[in-house]
């Protein structure tokens, strides 16, 4: 199989992550201090900035996973090792950024509705975001990477793979 240019999987991850993370960021607005009472435009701006950071974290996590299997095209043959490193990198970066933003820099605060980790105080919703969104993003990226036809052709006979 001729592989697409190396930028293709990175672009797919970035674009799918961008849209999925924006939806998640908008959904979790009520769990951050002051966001529920912010103007619509202000909330969108804050969520948009966070979303661009999330998409960049996703690409960084993808590259970390690519290093673990020495293939930038690992999305084409998903396996547990790169998935583990993809999720681990995203979670570790998220924990670090959330801790710095809430505890050191004071860029944002959770309100009383946000469930948090006992020791670090990291919000559980941002952590869940880095499990749910990356898995959906990988699935969507893989669909776009191959298109539907090759994925069906790669399934064992008599089975259809999606």
Protein backbone atom coordinates (compact mmCIF):
# COMPACT_ATOMS: atom_id res chain seq x y z
CA UNK A 1 0.00 0.00 0.00
CA UNK A 2 1.31 3.45 -0.87
CA UNK A 3 1.32 5.53 2.26
CA UNK A 4 0.10 9.10 2.19
CA UNK A 5 2.47 11.95 2.95
CA UNK A 6 3.63 12.05 6.59
CA UNK A 7 1.58 15.18 7.26
CA UNK A 8 -1.72 13.38 6.54
CA UNK A 9 -2.10 11.49 9.85
CA UNK A 10 -1.01 14.57 11.80
CA UNK A 11 -3.50 16.79 9.97
CA UNK A 12 -6.30 14.26 10.48
CA UNK A 13 -5.59 14.02 14.21
CA UNK A 14 -5.37 17.80 14.55
CA UNK A 15 -8.58 18.51 12.61
CA UNK A 16 -10.71 15.81 14.22
CA UNK A 17 -9.35 16.73 17.64
CA UNK A 18 -10.12 20.38 17.03
CA UNK A 19 -13.82 19.77 16.41
CA UNK A 20 -14.25 17.15 19.13
CA UNK A 21 -12.38 19.13 21.77
CA UNK A 22 -14.40 22.27 20.96
CA UNK A 23 -17.61 20.35 21.59
CA UNK A 24 -16.19 18.99 24.88
CA UNK A 25 -14.91 22.40 25.99
CA UNK A 26 -18.34 23.95 25.37
CA UNK A 27 -20.02 21.09 27.24
CA UNK A 28 -17.87 21.53 30.35
CA UNK A 29 -18.32 25.33 30.59
CA UNK A 30 -20.66 25.08 33.62
CA UNK A 31 -17.91 23.36 35.66
CA UNK A 32 -15.51 26.32 35.57
CA UNK A 33 -15.71 29.33 37.85
CA UNK A 34 -17.35 32.32 36.16
CA UNK A 35 -17.93 30.65 32.80
CA UNK A 36 -21.67 30.11 33.23
CA UNK A 37 -22.17 33.84 33.79
CA UNK A 38 -19.72 34.96 31.08
CA UNK A 39 -21.04 36.48 27.88
CA UNK A 40 -21.59 34.06 25.02
CA UNK A 41 -18.75 35.62 23.02
CA UNK A 42 -16.35 35.47 25.97
CA UNK A 43 -17.16 31.80 26.64
CA UNK A 44 -16.67 30.92 22.97
CA UNK A 45 -13.34 32.75 22.90
CA UNK A 46 -12.05 30.96 26.02
CA UNK A 47 -13.19 27.58 24.70
CA UNK A 48 -11.69 28.25 21.27
CA UNK A 49 -8.28 29.10 22.76
CA UNK A 50 -8.42 25.96 24.92
CA UNK A 51 -9.42 23.90 21.88
CA UNK A 52 -6.39 24.98 19.86
CA UNK A 53 -4.21 23.94 22.80
CA UNK A 54 -6.03 20.61 22.98
CA UNK A 55 -5.50 19.94 19.27
CA UNK A 56 -1.79 20.70 19.65
CA UNK A 57 -1.59 18.37 22.66
CA UNK A 58 -3.26 15.69 20.52
CA UNK A 59 -0.59 16.02 17.83
CA UNK A 60 2.16 15.92 20.47
CA UNK A 61 0.60 12.79 21.98
CA UNK A 62 0.26 11.25 18.50
CA UNK A 63 3.94 11.92 17.81
CA UNK A 64 4.85 10.35 21.16
CA UNK A 65 2.94 7.23 20.15
CA UNK A 66 4.57 7.31 16.70
CA UNK A 67 7.99 7.27 18.36
CA UNK A 68 6.97 4.25 20.43
CA UNK A 69 6.32 2.20 17.28
CA UNK A 70 8.59 4.13 14.89
CA UNK A 71 5.80 4.90 12.47
CA UNK A 72 4.04 8.19 11.82
CA UNK A 73 1.29 6.14 10.12
CA UNK A 74 0.38 4.04 13.17
CA UNK A 75 -3.24 5.15 12.89
CA UNK A 76 -3.46 2.83 9.87
CA UNK A 77 -2.67 -0.22 11.99
CA UNK A 78 -3.94 0.53 15.48
CA UNK A 79 -2.43 -1.51 18.27
CA UNK A 80 -2.37 -1.32 22.04
CA UNK A 81 1.19 0.03 22.38
CA UNK A 82 0.75 3.28 20.42
CA UNK A 83 -2.74 3.76 21.85
CA UNK A 84 -1.31 3.43 25.36
CA UNK A 85 1.39 6.04 24.67
CA UNK A 86 -1.11 8.33 22.91
CA UNK A 87 -3.47 8.31 25.88
CA UNK A 88 -0.67 8.45 28.45
CA UNK A 89 1.00 11.46 26.84
CA UNK A 90 -2.32 13.31 26.55
CA UNK A 91 -3.23 12.55 30.16
CA UNK A 92 0.17 13.55 31.55
CA UNK A 93 0.22 16.81 29.60
CA UNK A 94 -3.34 17.53 30.74
CA UNK A 95 -2.54 16.89 34.39
CA UNK A 96 0.51 19.15 34.14
CA UNK A 97 -1.35 21.97 32.34
CA UNK A 98 -4.41 21.77 34.59
CA UNK A 99 -2.23 21.84 37.72
CA UNK A 100 -0.19 24.78 36.45
CA UNK A 101 -3.29 26.70 35.33
CA UNK A 102 -5.32 26.16 38.49
CA UNK A 103 -2.67 25.97 41.23
CA UNK A 104 0.30 28.03 40.03
CA UNK A 105 -0.79 30.52 37.36
CA UNK A 106 -4.41 31.01 38.43
CA UNK A 107 -5.62 31.09 34.81
CA UNK A 108 -8.86 29.30 35.65
CA UNK A 109 -10.60 27.65 38.57
CA UNK A 110 -13.06 24.81 38.87
CA UNK A 111 -16.35 25.47 40.58
CA UNK A 112 -17.89 23.21 43.23
CA UNK A 113 -19.59 21.05 40.58
CA UNK A 114 -16.28 19.83 39.09
CA UNK A 115 -15.23 16.44 40.50
CA UNK A 116 -11.48 16.43 41.14
CA UNK A 117 -8.64 14.02 41.86
CA UNK A 118 -7.94 13.97 45.61
CA UNK A 119 -4.16 14.55 45.58
CA UNK A 120 -3.62 16.83 42.60
CA UNK A 121 -6.99 18.55 42.44
CA UNK A 122 -7.13 17.98 38.67
CA UNK A 123 -10.65 18.04 37.29
CA UNK A 124 -12.04 14.67 36.30
CA UNK A 125 -13.80 16.11 33.25
CA UNK A 126 -10.54 17.29 31.62
CA UNK A 127 -9.09 13.84 32.34
CA UNK A 128 -12.12 12.10 30.87
CA UNK A 129 -11.76 14.41 27.87
CA UNK A 130 -8.30 12.92 27.27
CA UNK A 131 -9.68 9.42 27.14
CA UNK A 132 -12.93 9.90 25.23
CA UNK A 133 -11.89 12.50 22.64
CA UNK A 134 -8.61 10.84 21.57
CA UNK A 135 -10.28 7.46 21.02
CA UNK A 136 -13.06 9.01 18.93
CA UNK A 137 -10.52 11.17 17.11
CA UNK A 138 -8.37 8.14 16.25
CA UNK A 139 -11.40 6.26 14.98
CA UNK A 140 -12.53 9.20 12.84
CA UNK A 141 -8.99 9.79 11.59
CA UNK A 142 -8.63 6.14 10.65
CA UNK A 143 -11.88 6.29 8.70
CA UNK A 144 -10.62 9.31 6.80
CA UNK A 145 -7.12 7.88 6.40
CA UNK A 146 -8.40 4.77 4.66
CA UNK A 147 -11.83 5.65 3.51
CA UNK A 148 -14.47 3.00 4.09
CA UNK A 149 -13.55 0.58 1.31
CA UNK A 150 -10.05 -0.53 2.41
CA UNK A 151 -11.18 -0.99 5.99
CA UNK A 152 -13.86 -3.42 4.81
CA UNK A 153 -11.36 -5.23 2.62
CA UNK A 154 -8.96 -5.69 5.54
CA UNK A 155 -11.55 -7.56 7.62
CA UNK A 156 -11.33 -11.34 7.90
CA UNK A 157 -13.53 -13.10 5.38
CA UNK A 158 -17.17 -13.04 6.29
CA UNK A 159 -16.68 -10.11 8.70
CA UNK A 160 -16.94 -6.42 8.20
CA UNK A 161 -14.60 -4.10 10.11
CA UNK A 162 -15.50 -0.56 11.05
